[in-house]
């Protein structure tokens, strides 16, 4: 390290680069302030870059297997999905399951507490309601395929409590997980899709979907193109006859009048059953 001459008045001393002791007090203060400002700016720039990268990273596409993987291959690949931050707190990925050649595919919102622990969809209280409602509507639960729009459990834990409380996924999280749903639709190739609740409806029909306004009718299949906005290009479900929307089974459990709300769920599912039977009671909108 070389010494640099420094002059203060008539006195000459040697100053090491980076050493401010030989500078006048005001100059030392100004130099330190400038250095601090530069460090703060670097920290802000790094934080901004990290945030931008995180936002751009909300996409499960890079984690999908290449080639012609079946449902089992998709399930294995989904177990390692890091397409959005929800994987960080969830116990595991909860992939769809059921009849691989089902005529009806049901889409829920996201795994609940029990689903997250067991790694299977619709095994909690809402799943029991759905199974009973399907049977009452004339649809064999064993011949259906069930999955969720989002594959990881999103939750919050209130202060002072241990119980995990469900938290609705954001639009960005739903969009990030859409490639898995597209792949399931392509492989199962159902005749009919049933959207269970608002999140599933928005995932399939867009943010303007309202379950209270569009439930219980045969809706035209919107398509799930490569751009994530619907359309014909790359649609994984060209053979789908339509979509029926209804409430999520968990709404029955939360209702004051459970019997009435359950009857409404069964009535909506009967529209799906009639479409599958060829009766066509569901009127396209």
C-alpha atoms as a PDB file:
ATOM      1  CA  UNK A   1       0.000   0.000   0.000  1.00  0.00           C
ATOM      2  CA  UNK A   2       1.603   3.309  -1.079  1.00  0.00           C
ATOM      3  CA  UNK A   3       1.674   6.467   0.982  1.00  0.00           C
ATOM      4  CA  UNK A   4       0.285   9.705  -0.415  1.00  0.00           C
ATOM      5  CA  UNK A   5       1.675  13.095   0.615  1.00  0.00           C
ATOM      6  CA  UNK A   6      -0.852  15.309   2.402  1.00  0.00           C
ATOM      7  CA  UNK A   7      -0.314  18.942   3.224  1.00  0.00           C
ATOM      8  CA  UNK A   8      -1.992  20.884   6.053  1.00  0.00           C
ATOM      9  CA  UNK A   9      -0.507  24.368   6.258  1.00  0.00           C
ATOM     10  CA  UNK A  10       3.275  24.102   6.362  1.00  0.00           C
ATOM     11  CA  UNK A  11       3.228  20.593   7.758  1.00  0.00           C
ATOM     12  CA  UNK A  12       3.621  17.664   5.407  1.00  0.00           C
ATOM     13  CA  UNK A  13       2.589  14.163   6.499  1.00  0.00           C
ATOM     14  CA  UNK A  14       2.084  10.805   4.839  1.00  0.00           C
ATOM     15  CA  UNK A  15      -1.567   9.626   4.453  1.00  0.00           C
ATOM     16  CA  UNK A  16      -2.682   6.136   3.512  1.00  0.00           C
ATOM     17  CA  UNK A  17      -5.479   6.024   0.885  1.00  0.00           C
ATOM     18  CA  UNK A  18      -8.841   5.673   2.634  1.00  0.00           C
ATOM     19  CA  UNK A  19      -7.506   7.224   5.834  1.00  0.00           C
ATOM     20  CA  UNK A  20      -9.386  10.461   6.543  1.00  0.00           C
ATOM     21  CA  UNK A  21      -7.388  11.499   9.598  1.00  0.00           C
ATOM     22  CA  UNK A  22      -5.197  13.842   7.591  1.00  0.00           C
ATOM     23  CA  UNK A  23      -8.122  15.782   6.125  1.00  0.00           C
ATOM     24  CA  UNK A  24      -9.737  18.886   7.593  1.00  0.00           C
ATOM     25  CA  UNK A  25     -12.727  18.154   9.835  1.00  0.00           C
ATOM     26  CA  UNK A  26     -15.334  19.524   7.385  1.00  0.00           C
ATOM     27  CA  UNK A  27     -13.844  17.540   4.491  1.00  0.00           C
ATOM     28  CA  UNK A  28     -13.860  14.348   6.586  1.00  0.00           C
ATOM     29  CA  UNK A  29     -17.523  14.835   7.464  1.00  0.00           C
ATOM     30  CA  UNK A  30     -18.503  15.517   3.849  1.00  0.00           C
ATOM     31  CA  UNK A  31     -16.642  12.431   2.627  1.00  0.00           C
ATOM     32  CA  UNK A  32     -18.336  10.190   5.221  1.00  0.00           C
ATOM     33  CA  UNK A  33     -21.777  11.536   4.323  1.00  0.00           C
ATOM     34  CA  UNK A  34     -21.167  10.890   0.633  1.00  0.00           C
ATOM     35  CA  UNK A  35     -19.985   7.359   1.356  1.00  0.00           C
ATOM     36  CA  UNK A  36     -23.056   6.685   3.475  1.00  0.00           C
ATOM     37  CA  UNK A  37     -25.340   7.986   0.758  1.00  0.00           C
ATOM     38  CA  UNK A  38     -23.682   5.719  -1.815  1.00  0.00           C
ATOM     39  CA  UNK A  39     -24.082   2.692   0.454  1.00  0.00           C
ATOM     40  CA  UNK A  40     -27.759   3.466   1.042  1.00  0.00           C
ATOM     41  CA  UNK A  41     -28.294   3.875  -2.691  1.00  0.00           C
ATOM     42  CA  UNK A  42     -26.643   0.503  -3.356  1.00  0.00           C
ATOM     43  CA  UNK A  43     -28.860  -1.166  -0.736  1.00  0.00           C
ATOM     44  CA  UNK A  44     -31.996   0.390  -2.267  1.00  0.00           C
ATOM     45  CA  UNK A  45     -30.955  -0.693  -5.751  1.00  0.00           C
ATOM     46  CA  UNK A  46     -30.321  -4.255  -4.555  1.00  0.00           C
ATOM     47  CA  UNK A  47     -33.703  -4.380  -2.796  1.00  0.00           C
ATOM     48  CA  UNK A  48     -35.486  -3.096  -5.883  1.00  0.00           C
ATOM     49  CA  UNK A  49     -33.763  -5.674  -8.074  1.00  0.00           C
ATOM     50  CA  UNK A  50     -34.678  -8.464  -5.641  1.00  0.00           C
ATOM     51  CA  UNK A  51     -38.332  -7.373  -5.569  1.00  0.00           C
ATOM     52  CA  UNK A  52     -38.476  -7.237  -9.354  1.00  0.00           C
ATOM     53  CA  UNK A  53     -36.939 -10.694  -9.645  1.00  0.00           C
ATOM     54  CA  UNK A  54     -39.389 -12.070  -7.086  1.00  0.00           C
ATOM     55  CA  UNK A  55     -42.323 -10.614  -9.002  1.00  0.00           C
ATOM     56  CA  UNK A  56     -41.068 -12.068 -12.256  1.00  0.00           C
ATOM     57  CA  UNK A  57     -40.639 -15.436 -10.529  1.00  0.00           C
ATOM     58  CA  UNK A  58     -44.374 -16.017  -9.972  1.00  0.00           C
ATOM     59  CA  UNK A  59     -44.649 -18.752 -12.593  1.00  0.00           C
ATOM     60  CA  UNK A  60     -44.738 -22.531 -12.266  1.00  0.00           C
ATOM     61  CA  UNK A  61     -43.909 -23.132 -15.946  1.00  0.00           C
ATOM     62  CA  UNK A  62     -40.158 -23.799 -15.394  1.00  0.00           C
ATOM     63  CA  UNK A  63     -41.023 -26.620 -12.981  1.00  0.00           C
ATOM     64  CA  UNK A  64     -43.269 -28.580 -15.341  1.00  0.00           C
ATOM     65  CA  UNK A  65     -41.674 -31.768 -16.666  1.00  0.00           C
ATOM     66  CA  UNK A  66     -40.666 -31.859 -20.293  1.00  0.00           C
ATOM     67  CA  UNK A  67     -41.822 -34.484 -22.729  1.00  0.00           C
ATOM     68  CA  UNK A  68     -44.987 -36.534 -22.365  1.00  0.00           C
ATOM     69  CA  UNK A  69     -45.208 -36.963 -18.612  1.00  0.00           C
ATOM     70  CA  UNK A  70     -48.427 -38.468 -17.283  1.00  0.00           C
ATOM     71  CA  UNK A  71     -50.288 -37.479 -14.151  1.00  0.00           C
ATOM     72  CA  UNK A  72     -47.830 -39.390 -11.970  1.00  0.00           C
ATOM     73  CA  UNK A  73     -44.932 -37.504 -13.540  1.00  0.00           C
ATOM     74  CA  UNK A  74     -46.723 -34.197 -13.086  1.00  0.00           C
ATOM     75  CA  UNK A  75     -47.368 -35.001  -9.435  1.00  0.00           C
ATOM     76  CA  UNK A  76     -43.688 -35.779  -8.826  1.00  0.00           C
ATOM     77  CA  UNK A  77     -42.605 -32.576 -10.552  1.00  0.00           C
ATOM     78  CA  UNK A  78     -45.165 -30.471  -8.686  1.00  0.00           C
ATOM     79  CA  UNK A  79     -43.693 -31.656  -5.381  1.00  0.00           C
ATOM     80  CA  UNK A  80     -40.634 -29.524  -6.159  1.00  0.00           C
ATOM     81  CA  UNK A  81     -42.508 -26.480  -7.472  1.00  0.00           C
ATOM     82  CA  UNK A  82     -41.150 -23.113  -6.376  1.00  0.00           C
ATOM     83  CA  UNK A  83     -43.270 -21.071  -8.764  1.00  0.00           C
ATOM     84  CA  UNK A  84     -44.476 -18.703  -6.055  1.00  0.00           C
ATOM     85  CA  UNK A  85     -43.587 -18.055  -2.390  1.00  0.00           C
ATOM     86  CA  UNK A  86     -46.462 -20.166  -1.002  1.00  0.00           C
ATOM     87  CA  UNK A  87     -44.247 -23.264  -0.940  1.00  0.00           C
ATOM     88  CA  UNK A  88     -42.104 -21.712   1.798  1.00  0.00           C
ATOM     89  CA  UNK A  89     -44.690 -22.138   4.569  1.00  0.00           C
ATOM     90  CA  UNK A  90     -46.824 -24.980   3.232  1.00  0.00           C
ATOM     91  CA  UNK A  91     -46.088 -28.526   4.349  1.00  0.00           C
ATOM     92  CA  UNK A  92     -46.133 -29.897   0.814  1.00  0.00           C
ATOM     93  CA  UNK A  93     -47.603 -29.561  -2.660  1.00  0.00           C
ATOM     94  CA  UNK A  94     -51.145 -30.933  -2.914  1.00  0.00           C
ATOM     95  CA  UNK A  95     -51.739 -32.174  -6.435  1.00  0.00           C
ATOM     96  CA  UNK A  96     -55.027 -33.358  -7.939  1.00  0.00           C
ATOM     97  CA  UNK A  97     -56.188 -36.948  -7.837  1.00  0.00           C
ATOM     98  CA  UNK A  98     -59.006 -39.203  -8.975  1.00  0.00           C
ATOM     99  CA  UNK A  99     -60.057 -40.970 -12.143  1.00  0.00           C
ATOM    100  CA  UNK A 100     -57.403 -40.240 -14.781  1.00  0.00           C
ATOM    101  CA  UNK A 101     -60.027 -40.500 -17.516  1.00  0.00           C
ATOM    102  CA  UNK A 102     -62.836 -38.770 -15.621  1.00  0.00           C
ATOM    103  CA  UNK A 103     -65.646 -37.153 -17.570  1.00  0.00           C
ATOM    104  CA  UNK A 104     -65.895 -34.376 -14.972  1.00  0.00           C
ATOM    105  CA  UNK A 105     -63.038 -32.433 -13.413  1.00  0.00           C
ATOM    106  CA  UNK A 106     -63.752 -30.352 -10.319  1.00  0.00           C
ATOM    107  CA  UNK A 107     -61.558 -27.374  -9.436  1.00  0.00           C
ATOM    108  CA  UNK A 108     -61.460 -25.972  -5.900  1.00  0.00           C
ATOM    109  CA  UNK A 109     -59.546 -23.051  -4.469  1.00  0.00           C
ATOM    110  CA  UNK A 110     -56.515 -24.340  -2.573  1.00  0.00           C
ATOM    111  CA  UNK A 111     -55.656 -27.064  -0.048  1.00  0.00           C
ATOM    112  CA  UNK A 112     -56.946 -26.647   3.489  1.00  0.00           C
ATOM    113  CA  UNK A 113     -55.218 -27.532   6.736  1.00  0.00           C
ATOM    114  CA  UNK A 114     -55.924 -31.280   6.536  1.00  0.00           C
ATOM    115  CA  UNK A 115     -55.100 -31.428   2.822  1.00  0.00           C
ATOM    116  CA  UNK A 116     -51.779 -29.713   3.484  1.00  0.00           C
ATOM    117  CA  UNK A 117     -50.903 -32.243   6.186  1.00  0.00           C
ATOM    118  CA  UNK A 118     -51.985 -35.320   4.218  1.00  0.00           C
ATOM    119  CA  UNK A 119     -50.911 -34.172   0.747  1.00  0.00           C
ATOM    120  CA  UNK A 120     -54.281 -34.997  -0.844  1.00  0.00           C
ATOM    121  CA  UNK A 121     -57.088 -32.709  -2.085  1.00  0.00           C
ATOM    122  CA  UNK A 122     -60.525 -32.571  -0.456  1.00  0.00           C
ATOM    123  CA  UNK A 123     -59.813 -34.911   2.465  1.00  0.00           C
ATOM    124  CA  UNK A 124     -60.944 -32.434   5.120  1.00  0.00           C
ATOM    125  CA  UNK A 125     -64.482 -31.506   6.219  1.00  0.00           C
ATOM    126  CA  UNK A 126     -65.233 -29.680   2.940  1.00  0.00           C
ATOM    127  CA  UNK A 127     -64.193 -32.787   1.026  1.00  0.00           C
ATOM    128  CA  UNK A 128     -66.715 -34.902   2.893  1.00  0.00           C
ATOM    129  CA  UNK A 129     -69.448 -32.383   2.016  1.00  0.00           C
ATOM    130  CA  UNK A 130     -68.410 -32.476  -1.648  1.00  0.00           C
ATOM    131  CA  UNK A 131     -68.400 -36.277  -1.797  1.00  0.00           C
ATOM    132  CA  UNK A 132     -71.916 -36.452  -0.344  1.00  0.00           C
ATOM    133  CA  UNK A 133     -73.209 -33.681  -2.602  1.00  0.00           C
ATOM    134  CA  UNK A 134     -71.820 -35.359  -5.727  1.00  0.00           C
ATOM    135  CA  UNK A 135     -73.525 -38.616  -4.816  1.00  0.00           C
ATOM    136  CA  UNK A 136     -76.820 -36.835  -4.088  1.00  0.00           C
ATOM    137  CA  UNK A 137     -76.584 -35.076  -7.467  1.00  0.00           C
ATOM    138  CA  UNK A 138     -76.066 -38.339  -9.336  1.00  0.00           C
ATOM    139  CA  UNK A 139     -72.298 -38.101  -9.950  1.00  0.00           C
ATOM    140  CA  UNK A 140     -70.121 -40.965  -8.745  1.00  0.00           C
ATOM    141  CA  UNK A 141     -67.276 -39.378  -6.715  1.00  0.00           C
ATOM    142  CA  UNK A 142     -65.018 -42.301  -7.674  1.00  0.00           C
ATOM    143  CA  UNK A 143     -65.374 -41.372 -11.345  1.00  0.00           C
ATOM    144  CA  UNK A 144     -64.412 -37.707 -10.897  1.00  0.00           C
ATOM    145  CA  UNK A 145     -61.069 -35.935 -10.812  1.00  0.00           C
ATOM    146  CA  UNK A 146     -60.592 -33.258  -8.137  1.00  0.00           C
ATOM    147  CA  UNK A 147     -57.892 -30.619  -7.921  1.00  0.00           C
ATOM    148  CA  UNK A 148     -57.301 -27.037  -6.831  1.00  0.00           C
ATOM    149  CA  UNK A 149     -56.457 -23.826  -8.639  1.00  0.00           C
ATOM    150  CA  UNK A 150     -53.552 -23.308  -6.210  1.00  0.00           C
ATOM    151  CA  UNK A 151     -51.505 -26.284  -5.041  1.00  0.00           C
ATOM    152  CA  UNK A 152     -50.078 -24.916  -1.774  1.00  0.00           C
ATOM    153  CA  UNK A 153     -51.883 -24.007   1.442  1.00  0.00           C
ATOM    154  CA  UNK A 154     -51.915 -20.260   2.119  1.00  0.00           C
ATOM    155  CA  UNK A 155     -52.679 -19.398   5.705  1.00  0.00           C
ATOM    156  CA  UNK A 156     -52.134 -17.040   8.599  1.00  0.00           C
ATOM    157  CA  UNK A 157     -51.654 -17.794  12.300  1.00  0.00           C
ATOM    158  CA  UNK A 158     -53.320 -15.192  14.559  1.00  0.00           C
ATOM    159  CA  UNK A 159     -51.145 -13.898  17.375  1.00  0.00           C
ATOM    160  CA  UNK A 160     -51.355 -16.077  20.448  1.00  0.00           C
ATOM    161  CA  UNK A 161     -52.891 -19.016  18.578  1.00  0.00           C
ATOM    162  CA  UNK A 162     -51.592 -22.195  16.960  1.00  0.00           C
ATOM    163  CA  UNK A 163     -54.403 -22.920  14.507  1.00  0.00           C
ATOM    164  CA  UNK A 164     -53.655 -22.068  10.884  1.00  0.00           C
ATOM    165  CA  UNK A 165     -56.382 -19.946   9.307  1.00  0.00           C
ATOM    166  CA  UNK A 166     -57.078 -20.137   5.571  1.00  0.00           C
ATOM    167  CA  UNK A 167     -56.141 -17.046   3.567  1.00  0.00           C
ATOM    168  CA  UNK A 168     -57.365 -16.500   0.010  1.00  0.00           C
ATOM    169  CA  UNK A 169     -54.639 -16.679  -2.669  1.00  0.00           C
ATOM    170  CA  UNK A 170     -53.868 -13.584  -4.689  1.00  0.00           C
ATOM    171  CA  UNK A 171     -54.439 -13.216  -8.418  1.00  0.00           C
ATOM    172  CA  UNK A 172     -50.676 -13.457  -8.999  1.00  0.00           C
ATOM    173  CA  UNK A 173     -50.512 -16.732  -7.054  1.00  0.00           C
ATOM    174  CA  UNK A 174     -53.472 -18.146  -8.973  1.00  0.00           C
ATOM    175  CA  UNK A 175     -51.865 -17.173 -12.278  1.00  0.00           C
ATOM    176  CA  UNK A 176     -48.535 -18.665 -11.245  1.00  0.00           C
ATOM    177  CA  UNK A 177     -50.167 -22.038 -10.565  1.00  0.00           C
ATOM    178  CA  UNK A 178     -52.272 -22.095 -13.737  1.00  0.00           C
ATOM    179  CA  UNK A 179     -49.745 -24.189 -15.759  1.00  0.00           C
ATOM    180  CA  UNK A 180     -50.368 -27.173 -13.450  1.00  0.00           C
ATOM    181  CA  UNK A 181     -54.115 -26.919 -13.980  1.00  0.00           C
ATOM    182  CA  UNK A 182     -53.630 -26.627 -17.746  1.00  0.00           C
ATOM    183  CA  UNK A 183     -51.517 -29.791 -17.682  1.00  0.00           C
ATOM    184  CA  UNK A 184     -54.137 -31.671 -15.640  1.00  0.00           C
ATOM    185  CA  UNK A 185     -56.894 -30.639 -18.031  1.00  0.00           C
ATOM    186  CA  UNK A 186     -54.835 -31.762 -21.011  1.00  0.00           C
ATOM    187  CA  UNK A 187     -54.161 -35.219 -19.557  1.00  0.00           C
ATOM    188  CA  UNK A 188     -57.559 -35.949 -18.001  1.00  0.00           C
ATOM    189  CA  UNK A 189     -59.430 -34.455 -20.990  1.00  0.00           C
ATOM    190  CA  UNK A 190     -62.810 -34.200 -19.212  1.00  0.00           C
ATOM    191  CA  UNK A 191     -66.105 -33.452 -20.889  1.00  0.00           C
ATOM    192  CA  UNK A 192     -67.121 -30.977 -18.206  1.00  0.00           C
ATOM    193  CA  UNK A 193     -65.399 -28.756 -15.640  1.00  0.00           C
ATOM    194  CA  UNK A 194     -66.977 -27.696 -12.346  1.00  0.00           C
ATOM    195  CA  UNK A 195     -65.607 -24.582 -10.637  1.00  0.00           C
ATOM    196  CA  UNK A 196     -66.061 -24.748  -6.869  1.00  0.00           C
ATOM    197  CA  UNK A 197     -66.113 -21.237  -5.467  1.00  0.00           C
ATOM    198  CA  UNK A 198     -64.899 -17.789  -6.375  1.00  0.00           C
ATOM    199  CA  UNK A 199     -61.169 -18.493  -6.679  1.00  0.00           C
ATOM    200  CA  UNK A 200     -61.682 -21.428  -9.054  1.00  0.00           C
ATOM    201  CA  UNK A 201     -64.141 -19.380 -11.097  1.00  0.00           C
ATOM    202  CA  UNK A 202     -61.757 -16.443 -11.394  1.00  0.00           C
ATOM    203  CA  UNK A 203     -58.914 -18.755 -12.366  1.00  0.00           C
ATOM    204  CA  UNK A 204     -60.981 -20.206 -15.211  1.00  0.00           C
ATOM    205  CA  UNK A 205     -63.205 -17.286 -16.216  1.00  0.00           C
ATOM    206  CA  UNK A 206     -61.256 -14.190 -15.211  1.00  0.00           C
ATOM    207  CA  UNK A 207     -61.374 -11.637 -12.370  1.00  0.00           C
ATOM    208  CA  UNK A 208     -64.891 -10.444 -13.268  1.00  0.00           C
ATOM    209  CA  UNK A 209     -66.399 -13.824 -12.313  1.00  0.00           C
ATOM    210  CA  UNK A 210     -69.071 -13.720  -9.596  1.00  0.00           C
ATOM    211  CA  UNK A 211     -70.238 -17.073  -8.260  1.00  0.00           C
ATOM    212  CA  UNK A 212     -73.538 -15.639  -7.019  1.00  0.00           C
ATOM    213  CA  UNK A 213     -74.398 -14.456 -10.537  1.00  0.00           C
ATOM    214  CA  UNK A 214     -73.075 -17.331 -12.644  1.00  0.00           C
ATOM    215  CA  UNK A 215     -73.659 -20.463 -10.585  1.00  0.00           C
ATOM    216  CA  UNK A 216     -75.914 -23.330 -11.621  1.00  0.00           C
ATOM    217  CA  UNK A 217     -75.767 -22.807 -15.393  1.00  0.00           C
ATOM    218  CA  UNK A 218     -73.819 -24.388 -18.216  1.00  0.00           C
ATOM    219  CA  UNK A 219     -71.244 -21.764 -19.190  1.00  0.00           C
ATOM    220  CA  UNK A 220     -69.222 -21.957 -22.414  1.00  0.00           C
ATOM    221  CA  UNK A 221     -65.692 -23.237 -21.932  1.00  0.00           C
ATOM    222  CA  UNK A 222     -63.478 -20.117 -21.947  1.00  0.00           C
ATOM    223  CA  UNK A 223     -60.289 -21.833 -23.056  1.00  0.00           C
ATOM    224  CA  UNK A 224     -56.986 -21.523 -21.262  1.00  0.00           C
ATOM    225  CA  UNK A 225     -54.552 -20.373 -23.931  1.00  0.00           C
ATOM    226  CA  UNK A 226     -50.809 -20.000 -23.530  1.00  0.00           C
ATOM    227  CA  UNK A 227     -51.216 -16.336 -22.683  1.00  0.00           C
ATOM    228  CA  UNK A 228     -53.253 -17.263 -19.613  1.00  0.00           C
ATOM    229  CA  UNK A 229     -56.142 -15.145 -20.818  1.00  0.00           C
ATOM    230  CA  UNK A 230     -58.175 -17.818 -22.546  1.00  0.00           C
ATOM    231  CA  UNK A 231     -58.482 -18.181 -26.289  1.00  0.00           C
ATOM    232  CA  UNK A 232     -58.096 -20.979 -28.757  1.00  0.00           C
ATOM    233  CA  UNK A 233     -54.329 -21.138 -29.081  1.00  0.00           C
ATOM    234  CA  UNK A 234     -52.872 -23.879 -26.903  1.00  0.00           C
ATOM    235  CA  UNK A 235     -56.170 -24.588 -25.143  1.00  0.00           C
ATOM    236  CA  UNK A 236     -55.703 -27.844 -23.199  1.00  0.00           C
ATOM    237  CA  UNK A 237     -59.416 -28.640 -23.246  1.00  0.00           C
ATOM    238  CA  UNK A 238     -60.804 -28.468 -26.817  1.00  0.00           C
ATOM    239  CA  UNK A 239     -63.194 -31.345 -26.073  1.00  0.00           C
ATOM    240  CA  UNK A 240     -64.711 -29.738 -22.971  1.00  0.00           C
ATOM    241  CA  UNK A 241     -68.433 -29.125 -23.467  1.00  0.00           C
ATOM    242  CA  UNK A 242     -68.690 -26.388 -20.885  1.00  0.00           C
ATOM    243  CA  UNK A 243     -68.250 -25.265 -17.319  1.00  0.00           C
ATOM    244  CA  UNK A 244     -70.621 -25.258 -14.353  1.00  0.00           C
ATOM    245  CA  UNK A 245     -69.868 -22.963 -11.421  1.00  0.00           C
ATOM    246  CA  UNK A 246     -71.103 -23.381  -7.884  1.00  0.00           C
ATOM    247  CA  UNK A 247     -70.116 -22.533  -4.326  1.00  0.00           C
ATOM    248  CA  UNK A 248     -67.172 -24.120  -2.558  1.00  0.00           C
ATOM    249  CA  UNK A 249     -68.277 -26.943  -0.224  1.00  0.00           C
ATOM    250  CA  UNK A 250     -66.697 -25.089   2.713  1.00  0.00           C
ATOM    251  CA  UNK A 251     -69.455 -22.461   2.316  1.00  0.00           C
ATOM    252  CA  UNK A 252     -71.906 -25.080   3.584  1.00  0.00           C
ATOM    253  CA  UNK A 253     -69.859 -25.517   6.758  1.00  0.00           C
ATOM    254  CA  UNK A 254     -69.780 -21.765   7.376  1.00  0.00           C
ATOM    255  CA  UNK A 255     -73.488 -21.188   6.717  1.00  0.00           C
ATOM    256  CA  UNK A 256     -76.079 -20.580   9.420  1.00  0.00           C
ATOM    257  CA  UNK A 257     -78.640 -22.514   7.396  1.00  0.00           C
ATOM    258  CA  UNK A 258     -76.508 -25.431   6.284  1.00  0.00           C
ATOM    259  CA  UNK A 259     -79.368 -27.485   4.891  1.00  0.00           C
ATOM    260  CA  UNK A 260     -80.503 -24.760   2.506  1.00  0.00           C
ATOM    261  CA  UNK A 261     -76.982 -23.957   1.320  1.00  0.00           C
ATOM    262  CA  UNK A 262     -76.230 -27.664   0.855  1.00  0.00           C
ATOM    263  CA  UNK A 263     -79.388 -28.099  -1.219  1.00  0.00           C
ATOM    264  CA  UNK A 264     -78.213 -25.265  -3.451  1.00  0.00           C
ATOM    265  CA  UNK A 265     -74.861 -26.979  -3.958  1.00  0.00           C
ATOM    266  CA  UNK A 266     -76.562 -30.239  -4.902  1.00  0.00           C
ATOM    267  CA  UNK A 267     -78.902 -28.407  -7.284  1.00  0.00           C
ATOM    268  CA  UNK A 268     -75.927 -26.853  -9.107  1.00  0.00           C
ATOM    269  CA  UNK A 269     -74.158 -30.197  -9.329  1.00  0.00           C
ATOM    270  CA  UNK A 270     -77.306 -31.762 -10.802  1.00  0.00           C
ATOM    271  CA  UNK A 271     -76.899 -29.375 -13.737  1.00  0.00           C
ATOM    272  CA  UNK A 272     -73.471 -30.912 -14.299  1.00  0.00           C
ATOM    273  CA  UNK A 273     -74.930 -34.411 -13.941  1.00  0.00           C
ATOM    274  CA  UNK A 274     -77.608 -33.653 -16.542  1.00  0.00           C
ATOM    275  CA  UNK A 275     -74.991 -32.407 -18.999  1.00  0.00           C
ATOM    276  CA  UNK A 276     -73.006 -35.608 -18.540  1.00  0.00           C
ATOM    277  CA  UNK A 277     -76.167 -37.698 -18.973  1.00  0.00           C
ATOM    278  CA  UNK A 278     -77.000 -35.863 -22.189  1.00  0.00           C
ATOM    279  CA  UNK A 279     -80.184 -34.295 -20.853  1.00  0.00           C
ATOM    280  CA  UNK A 280     -78.794 -30.807 -21.421  1.00  0.00           C
ATOM    281  CA  UNK A 281     -80.819 -29.128 -18.724  1.00  0.00           C
ATOM    282  CA  UNK A 282     -78.049 -26.603 -18.211  1.00  0.00           C
ATOM    283  CA  UNK A 283     -78.712 -23.634 -20.437  1.00  0.00           C
ATOM    284  CA  UNK A 284     -75.597 -22.120 -21.987  1.00  0.00           C
ATOM    285  CA  UNK A 285     -75.077 -18.423 -21.295  1.00  0.00           C
END
